[in-house]
Amino acid sequence: MAFHGDQAGMAFFLLFAALLNIWFVFRSYARSFRPSSTSTRNTSAVAGKQQQGQPDDFSFSSQEEPHHNVAYQLLTYAVLVMAIFDIPWVWLCMIQCCNNMVTSSNSFHQNSGDDSFGCKFMGWYSTFSLFSMMGSHCLVVFYLMKLSLLSGGGPRGEKRSQNFWDSPKGLLTLALFILVAACLFGSMPMLQQGGAYRLTNGGFCYADFTNTTQAAVIMSVDLAFLSLSTALWCKIGRCTDYRLFYGVFFATWVLWVPASIYGIATGKEISSPYMLIGAVIGHGNALINPL
């Protein structure tokens, strides 16, 4: 066993992220399945606004209260899904980076080559996590929007009709779709004839940005989720409390757009340290999501 100090920084950073993820999963689970209260409003904040003569943004009538509680419950489930979908990106990368820190070389090292087990393993869960983490972010924002509209925080005159997506089965359907689609997306390089994962100049394995087809698919999915998230936040219309949540999400994934365009246009990987910056900020999501 040998210690490699140049690998220690990322290993300890990811260890901290993994510990925070444990808290995130258990906290989200406890919140999702605790006995529901008769009201999920912050009554002290509401009272304070009323004393100042300000409107109560989250007031609702007695007829709406059951729907409000259901909407809040669905939001807690969506956050739990996010916590679970963060696990591969945080834990598997942490384990692999710790392996790199304490061993000189084995098949688990991603830098053993594009065809090595380590590179294929990291390439799959990293590509998988693009779809799963972006998808779970949009899932949370979608149900936050539902709660906001029901609580009077959305545009005036917004219809508050209930549909399939306003139920646990609807949320489960969306979560399973994200999971299955993420598995297929993560397998994309292997499904493409002659395709493979690639060790980037950032030191991690990922789908191949120098492959025109893979780069185009990455960019399409990336832009679709960025657009969906932005549209949902605009519909909520009250994102001042969540600027950091949205800001880190957008700053992380928008980086893959220039990287994809550069790969499509030149057939080369964008210059270092661009990919490394993307990886570090990307793992920052694992810190911001729980907070």
Protein backbone atom coordinates (compact mmCIF):
# COMPACT_ATOMS: atom_id res chain seq x y z
CA MET A 1 0.00 0.00 0.00
CA ALA A 2 1.32 3.43 -0.94
CA PHE A 3 -0.02 6.87 -0.14
CA HIS A 4 -0.39 9.33 -3.03
CA GLY A 5 -0.79 12.84 -1.72
CA ASP A 6 -1.84 14.25 -5.08
CA GLN A 7 -5.01 12.14 -4.87
CA ALA A 8 -5.81 13.05 -1.27
CA GLY A 9 -7.56 16.35 -1.92
CA MET A 10 -10.36 14.91 -4.04
CA ALA A 11 -10.62 11.78 -1.86
CA PHE A 12 -11.18 13.77 1.35
CA PHE A 13 -13.49 16.23 -0.41
CA LEU A 14 -15.64 13.33 -1.60
CA LEU A 15 -15.49 11.66 1.81
CA PHE A 16 -17.01 14.81 3.31
CA ALA A 17 -19.61 14.86 0.52
CA ALA A 18 -20.42 11.19 1.20
CA LEU A 19 -20.95 11.84 4.91
CA LEU A 20 -23.23 14.75 4.07
CA ASN A 21 -25.09 12.49 1.64
CA ILE A 22 -25.73 9.99 4.45
CA TRP A 23 -27.31 12.77 6.48
CA PHE A 24 -29.27 13.89 3.40
CA VAL A 25 -30.73 10.42 2.79
CA PHE A 26 -31.72 9.76 6.41
CA ARG A 27 -33.02 13.30 6.96
CA SER A 28 -35.09 13.15 3.77
CA TYR A 29 -36.43 9.71 4.67
CA ALA A 30 -37.41 10.86 8.17
CA ARG A 31 -39.13 13.95 6.78
CA SER A 32 -40.98 11.94 4.12
CA PHE A 33 -42.40 9.30 6.44
CA ARG A 34 -42.95 11.16 9.70
CA PRO A 35 -46.59 11.57 10.82
CA SER A 36 -48.16 14.38 8.82
CA SER A 37 -49.23 17.50 10.69
CA THR A 38 -52.46 19.37 10.13
CA SER A 39 -50.54 22.25 8.64
CA THR A 40 -47.09 22.49 7.10
CA ARG A 41 -46.94 26.27 7.13
CA ASN A 42 -44.37 28.25 9.03
CA THR A 43 -46.97 29.93 11.23
CA SER A 44 -44.55 32.30 12.90
CA ALA A 45 -43.43 33.68 9.53
CA VAL A 46 -47.04 34.06 8.44
CA ALA A 47 -47.93 35.86 11.67
CA GLY A 48 -44.97 38.18 11.24
CA LYS A 49 -46.09 39.10 7.71
CA GLN A 50 -49.63 39.74 8.90
CA GLN A 51 -48.39 42.04 11.66
CA GLN A 52 -46.44 44.01 9.06
CA GLY A 53 -49.48 44.22 6.82
CA GLN A 54 -47.89 41.98 4.18
CA PRO A 55 -49.84 39.30 2.31
CA ASP A 56 -49.44 35.72 3.42
CA ASP A 57 -47.86 34.03 0.36
CA PHE A 58 -48.62 30.57 1.71
CA SER A 59 -52.14 31.04 3.00
CA PHE A 60 -54.78 28.54 1.94
CA SER A 61 -58.39 27.86 2.72
CA SER A 62 -59.72 24.93 4.72
CA GLN A 63 -60.85 23.31 1.48
CA GLU A 64 -57.32 23.56 0.08
CA GLU A 65 -55.51 22.35 3.20
CA PRO A 66 -55.70 18.60 2.40
CA HIS A 67 -54.36 19.27 -1.10
CA HIS A 68 -51.63 21.47 0.40
CA ASN A 69 -50.54 18.66 2.74
CA VAL A 70 -50.46 16.18 -0.15
CA ALA A 71 -48.40 18.61 -2.24
CA TYR A 72 -45.96 19.09 0.63
CA GLN A 73 -45.71 15.32 1.11
CA LEU A 74 -44.95 14.81 -2.58
CA LEU A 75 -42.22 17.45 -2.36
CA THR A 76 -40.59 15.56 0.53
CA TYR A 77 -40.70 12.36 -1.56
CA ALA A 78 -39.07 14.19 -4.47
CA VAL A 79 -36.26 15.41 -2.21
CA LEU A 80 -35.75 11.83 -0.99
CA VAL A 81 -35.45 10.70 -4.62
CA MET A 82 -32.81 13.39 -5.16
CA ALA A 83 -30.86 12.21 -2.10
CA ILE A 84 -30.90 8.61 -3.36
CA PHE A 85 -29.96 9.58 -6.92
CA ASP A 86 -26.95 11.51 -5.56
CA ILE A 87 -25.50 8.29 -4.09
CA PRO A 88 -23.71 6.87 -7.19
CA TRP A 89 -22.04 10.16 -8.09
CA VAL A 90 -20.86 10.73 -4.50
CA TRP A 91 -20.11 7.31 -3.07
CA LEU A 92 -18.73 5.42 -6.06
CA CYS A 93 -16.42 8.27 -6.99
CA MET A 94 -15.30 8.60 -3.36
CA ILE A 95 -14.48 4.88 -3.18
CA GLN A 96 -12.56 5.00 -6.44
CA CYS A 97 -10.63 8.15 -5.46
CA CYS A 98 -9.72 6.61 -2.08
CA ASN A 99 -8.48 3.54 -3.94
CA ASN A 100 -6.30 5.78 -6.10
CA MET A 101 -4.96 7.50 -2.98
CA VAL A 102 -3.75 4.33 -1.23
CA THR A 103 -2.76 2.07 -4.15
CA SER A 104 -0.22 2.49 -6.93
CA SER A 105 -2.10 0.68 -9.67
CA ASN A 106 -4.88 -1.85 -10.08
CA SER A 107 -7.82 -2.48 -12.38
CA PHE A 108 -9.97 -0.11 -10.29
CA HIS A 109 -7.82 2.90 -11.27
CA GLN A 110 -9.64 4.84 -13.98
CA ASN A 111 -6.32 6.03 -15.41
CA SER A 112 -5.33 2.47 -16.30
CA GLY A 113 -6.74 3.16 -19.77
CA ASP A 114 -10.02 3.69 -21.61
CA ASP A 115 -10.60 -0.08 -21.85
CA SER A 116 -9.86 -0.77 -18.17
CA PHE A 117 -12.58 -1.79 -15.75
CA GLY A 118 -11.94 1.30 -13.65
CA CYS A 119 -12.49 3.67 -16.57
CA LYS A 120 -15.61 1.87 -17.79
CA PHE A 121 -17.00 1.78 -14.25
CA MET A 122 -16.38 5.48 -13.63
CA GLY A 123 -17.52 6.38 -17.14
CA TRP A 124 -20.84 4.64 -16.62
CA TYR A 125 -21.80 6.07 -13.23
CA SER A 126 -20.54 9.55 -14.16
CA THR A 127 -22.59 9.63 -17.37
CA PHE A 128 -25.54 8.05 -15.54
CA SER A 129 -25.33 10.78 -12.90
CA LEU A 130 -25.67 13.58 -15.44
CA PHE A 131 -29.18 12.40 -16.27
CA SER A 132 -30.17 11.23 -12.78
CA MET A 133 -28.99 14.35 -10.94
CA MET A 134 -30.38 16.81 -13.47
CA GLY A 135 -33.61 14.84 -13.62
CA SER A 136 -34.03 14.67 -9.84
CA HIS A 137 -33.34 18.42 -9.58
CA CYS A 138 -36.18 19.09 -12.03
CA LEU A 139 -38.38 16.61 -10.14
CA VAL A 140 -37.90 18.59 -6.91
CA VAL A 141 -38.53 21.91 -8.64
CA PHE A 142 -41.66 20.51 -10.34
CA TYR A 143 -43.21 19.55 -6.99
CA LEU A 144 -42.02 22.77 -5.38
CA MET A 145 -43.89 24.56 -8.17
CA LYS A 146 -47.00 22.47 -7.43
CA LEU A 147 -46.83 23.42 -3.76
CA SER A 148 -46.16 27.07 -4.54
CA LEU A 149 -49.11 27.36 -6.91
CA LEU A 150 -51.42 25.63 -4.44
CA SER A 151 -50.25 27.95 -1.67
CA GLY A 152 -50.94 31.06 -3.71
CA GLY A 153 -47.33 31.70 -4.59
CA GLY A 154 -47.80 31.26 -8.32
CA PRO A 155 -49.29 33.51 -10.99
CA ARG A 156 -52.74 34.90 -10.29
CA GLY A 157 -55.59 32.87 -11.68
CA GLU A 158 -53.49 29.71 -11.92
CA LYS A 159 -55.78 26.69 -11.98
CA ARG A 160 -55.21 24.30 -9.10
CA SER A 161 -56.62 21.15 -10.66
CA GLN A 162 -55.46 17.77 -9.43
CA ASN A 163 -54.16 15.20 -11.88
CA PHE A 164 -52.18 11.97 -12.01
CA TRP A 165 -48.89 13.76 -11.30
CA ASP A 166 -50.35 15.13 -8.06
CA SER A 167 -50.21 11.67 -6.50
CA PRO A 168 -47.53 9.32 -5.15
CA LYS A 169 -48.05 7.06 -8.17
CA GLY A 170 -47.40 9.99 -10.49
CA LEU A 171 -44.20 10.92 -8.66
CA LEU A 172 -43.06 7.28 -8.63
CA THR A 173 -43.70 7.09 -12.38
CA LEU A 174 -41.53 10.15 -12.99
CA ALA A 175 -38.79 8.85 -10.68
CA LEU A 176 -38.72 5.45 -12.40
CA PHE A 177 -38.62 7.13 -15.80
CA ILE A 178 -35.61 9.18 -14.71
CA LEU A 179 -33.90 6.06 -13.33
CA VAL A 180 -34.44 3.93 -16.45
CA ALA A 181 -33.54 6.78 -18.81
CA ALA A 182 -30.40 7.51 -16.76
CA CYS A 183 -29.33 3.85 -17.00
CA LEU A 184 -29.74 3.96 -20.79
CA PHE A 185 -27.98 7.31 -20.99
CA GLY A 186 -25.10 6.01 -18.88
CA SER A 187 -24.79 3.01 -21.21
CA MET A 188 -24.87 5.17 -24.35
CA PRO A 189 -21.12 4.92 -25.13
CA MET A 190 -21.26 1.11 -24.91
CA LEU A 191 -24.41 0.95 -27.06
CA GLN A 192 -22.81 2.96 -29.85
CA GLN A 193 -20.82 0.85 -32.32
CA GLY A 194 -17.15 1.55 -31.75
CA GLY A 195 -17.99 3.85 -28.86
CA ALA A 196 -16.34 3.84 -25.46
CA TYR A 197 -15.79 5.91 -22.37
CA ARG A 198 -12.81 8.21 -22.36
CA LEU A 199 -10.27 9.29 -19.75
CA THR A 200 -10.53 13.08 -19.88
CA ASN A 201 -7.72 15.54 -19.23
CA GLY A 202 -9.53 16.26 -15.95
CA GLY A 203 -8.49 12.84 -14.66
CA PHE A 204 -11.92 11.20 -14.72
CA CYS A 205 -13.64 8.92 -17.22
CA TYR A 206 -16.82 10.05 -18.94
CA ALA A 207 -18.69 9.76 -22.20
CA ASP A 208 -16.46 10.83 -25.08
CA PHE A 209 -16.80 14.55 -25.84
CA THR A 210 -14.60 14.05 -28.93
CA ASN A 211 -17.17 11.65 -30.39
CA THR A 212 -19.66 13.69 -32.42
CA THR A 213 -22.66 11.49 -31.63
CA GLN A 214 -21.97 11.27 -27.90
CA ALA A 215 -21.23 14.99 -27.62
CA ALA A 216 -24.46 15.84 -29.45
CA VAL A 217 -26.52 13.59 -27.16
CA ILE A 218 -24.87 15.04 -24.05
CA MET A 219 -25.54 18.59 -25.21
CA SER A 220 -29.18 17.82 -26.13
CA VAL A 221 -29.99 16.23 -22.78
CA ASP A 222 -28.07 18.91 -20.91
CA LEU A 223 -29.87 21.78 -22.65
CA ALA A 224 -33.25 20.08 -22.23
CA PHE A 225 -32.86 19.81 -18.45
CA LEU A 226 -31.38 23.31 -18.11
CA SER A 227 -34.33 24.72 -20.05
CA LEU A 228 -36.87 22.71 -18.06
CA SER A 229 -35.38 23.78 -14.73
CA THR A 230 -35.28 27.45 -15.74
CA ALA A 231 -38.87 27.32 -17.01
CA LEU A 232 -40.09 25.75 -13.77
CA TRP A 233 -38.28 28.33 -11.64
CA CYS A 234 -39.79 31.12 -13.74
CA LYS A 235 -43.23 29.60 -13.21
CA ILE A 236 -42.68 29.52 -9.47
CA GLY A 237 -41.64 33.16 -9.68
CA ARG A 238 -40.24 33.26 -6.14
CA CYS A 239 -36.75 31.81 -6.32
CA THR A 240 -34.89 34.26 -4.06
CA ASP A 241 -34.74 31.63 -1.29
CA TYR A 242 -33.29 29.08 -3.69
CA ARG A 243 -30.78 31.11 -5.70
CA LEU A 244 -27.84 29.01 -4.53
CA PHE A 245 -29.67 25.76 -5.33
CA TYR A 246 -30.50 26.86 -8.85
CA GLY A 247 -27.25 28.78 -9.38
CA VAL A 248 -24.93 25.85 -8.63
CA PHE A 249 -27.12 23.53 -10.70
CA PHE A 250 -26.98 25.87 -13.70
CA ALA A 251 -23.28 26.70 -13.29
CA THR A 252 -22.41 23.00 -13.12
CA TRP A 253 -24.23 21.66 -16.11
CA VAL A 254 -23.94 24.64 -18.46
CA LEU A 255 -20.21 23.86 -18.59
CA TRP A 256 -20.91 20.78 -20.69
CA VAL A 257 -22.48 22.87 -23.46
CA PRO A 258 -19.22 24.57 -24.60
CA ALA A 259 -17.36 21.29 -24.04
CA SER A 260 -19.82 19.49 -26.33
CA ILE A 261 -19.75 22.21 -28.99
CA TYR A 262 -15.95 22.22 -28.95
CA GLY A 263 -15.84 18.42 -29.31
CA ILE A 264 -18.33 18.42 -32.17
CA ALA A 265 -16.55 21.25 -34.01
CA THR A 266 -12.94 20.07 -33.58
CA GLY A 267 -13.08 16.41 -32.65
CA LYS A 268 -10.87 17.29 -29.68
CA GLU A 269 -11.32 17.71 -25.97
CA ILE A 270 -11.52 21.22 -24.58
CA SER A 271 -8.27 22.37 -22.95
CA SER A 272 -7.35 21.64 -19.34
CA PRO A 273 -8.35 22.51 -16.59
CA TYR A 274 -11.88 22.98 -17.96
CA MET A 275 -12.99 19.38 -17.37
CA LEU A 276 -11.48 19.31 -13.87
CA ILE A 277 -13.36 22.50 -12.98
CA GLY A 278 -16.55 20.86 -14.21
CA ALA A 279 -15.91 17.81 -12.02
CA VAL A 280 -15.23 19.83 -8.87
CA ILE A 281 -18.27 22.08 -9.34
CA GLY A 282 -20.33 19.02 -10.25
CA HIS A 283 -19.48 17.38 -6.95
CA GLY A 284 -20.42 20.67 -5.32
CA ASN A 285 -24.03 19.69 -6.07
CA ALA A 286 -23.63 16.95 -3.48
CA LEU A 287 -22.92 19.68 -0.92
CA ILE A 288 -25.58 22.16 -2.04
CA ASN A 289 -28.48 19.70 -2.47
CA PRO A 290 -28.65 18.72 1.23
CA LEU A 291 -28.29 22.34 2.36
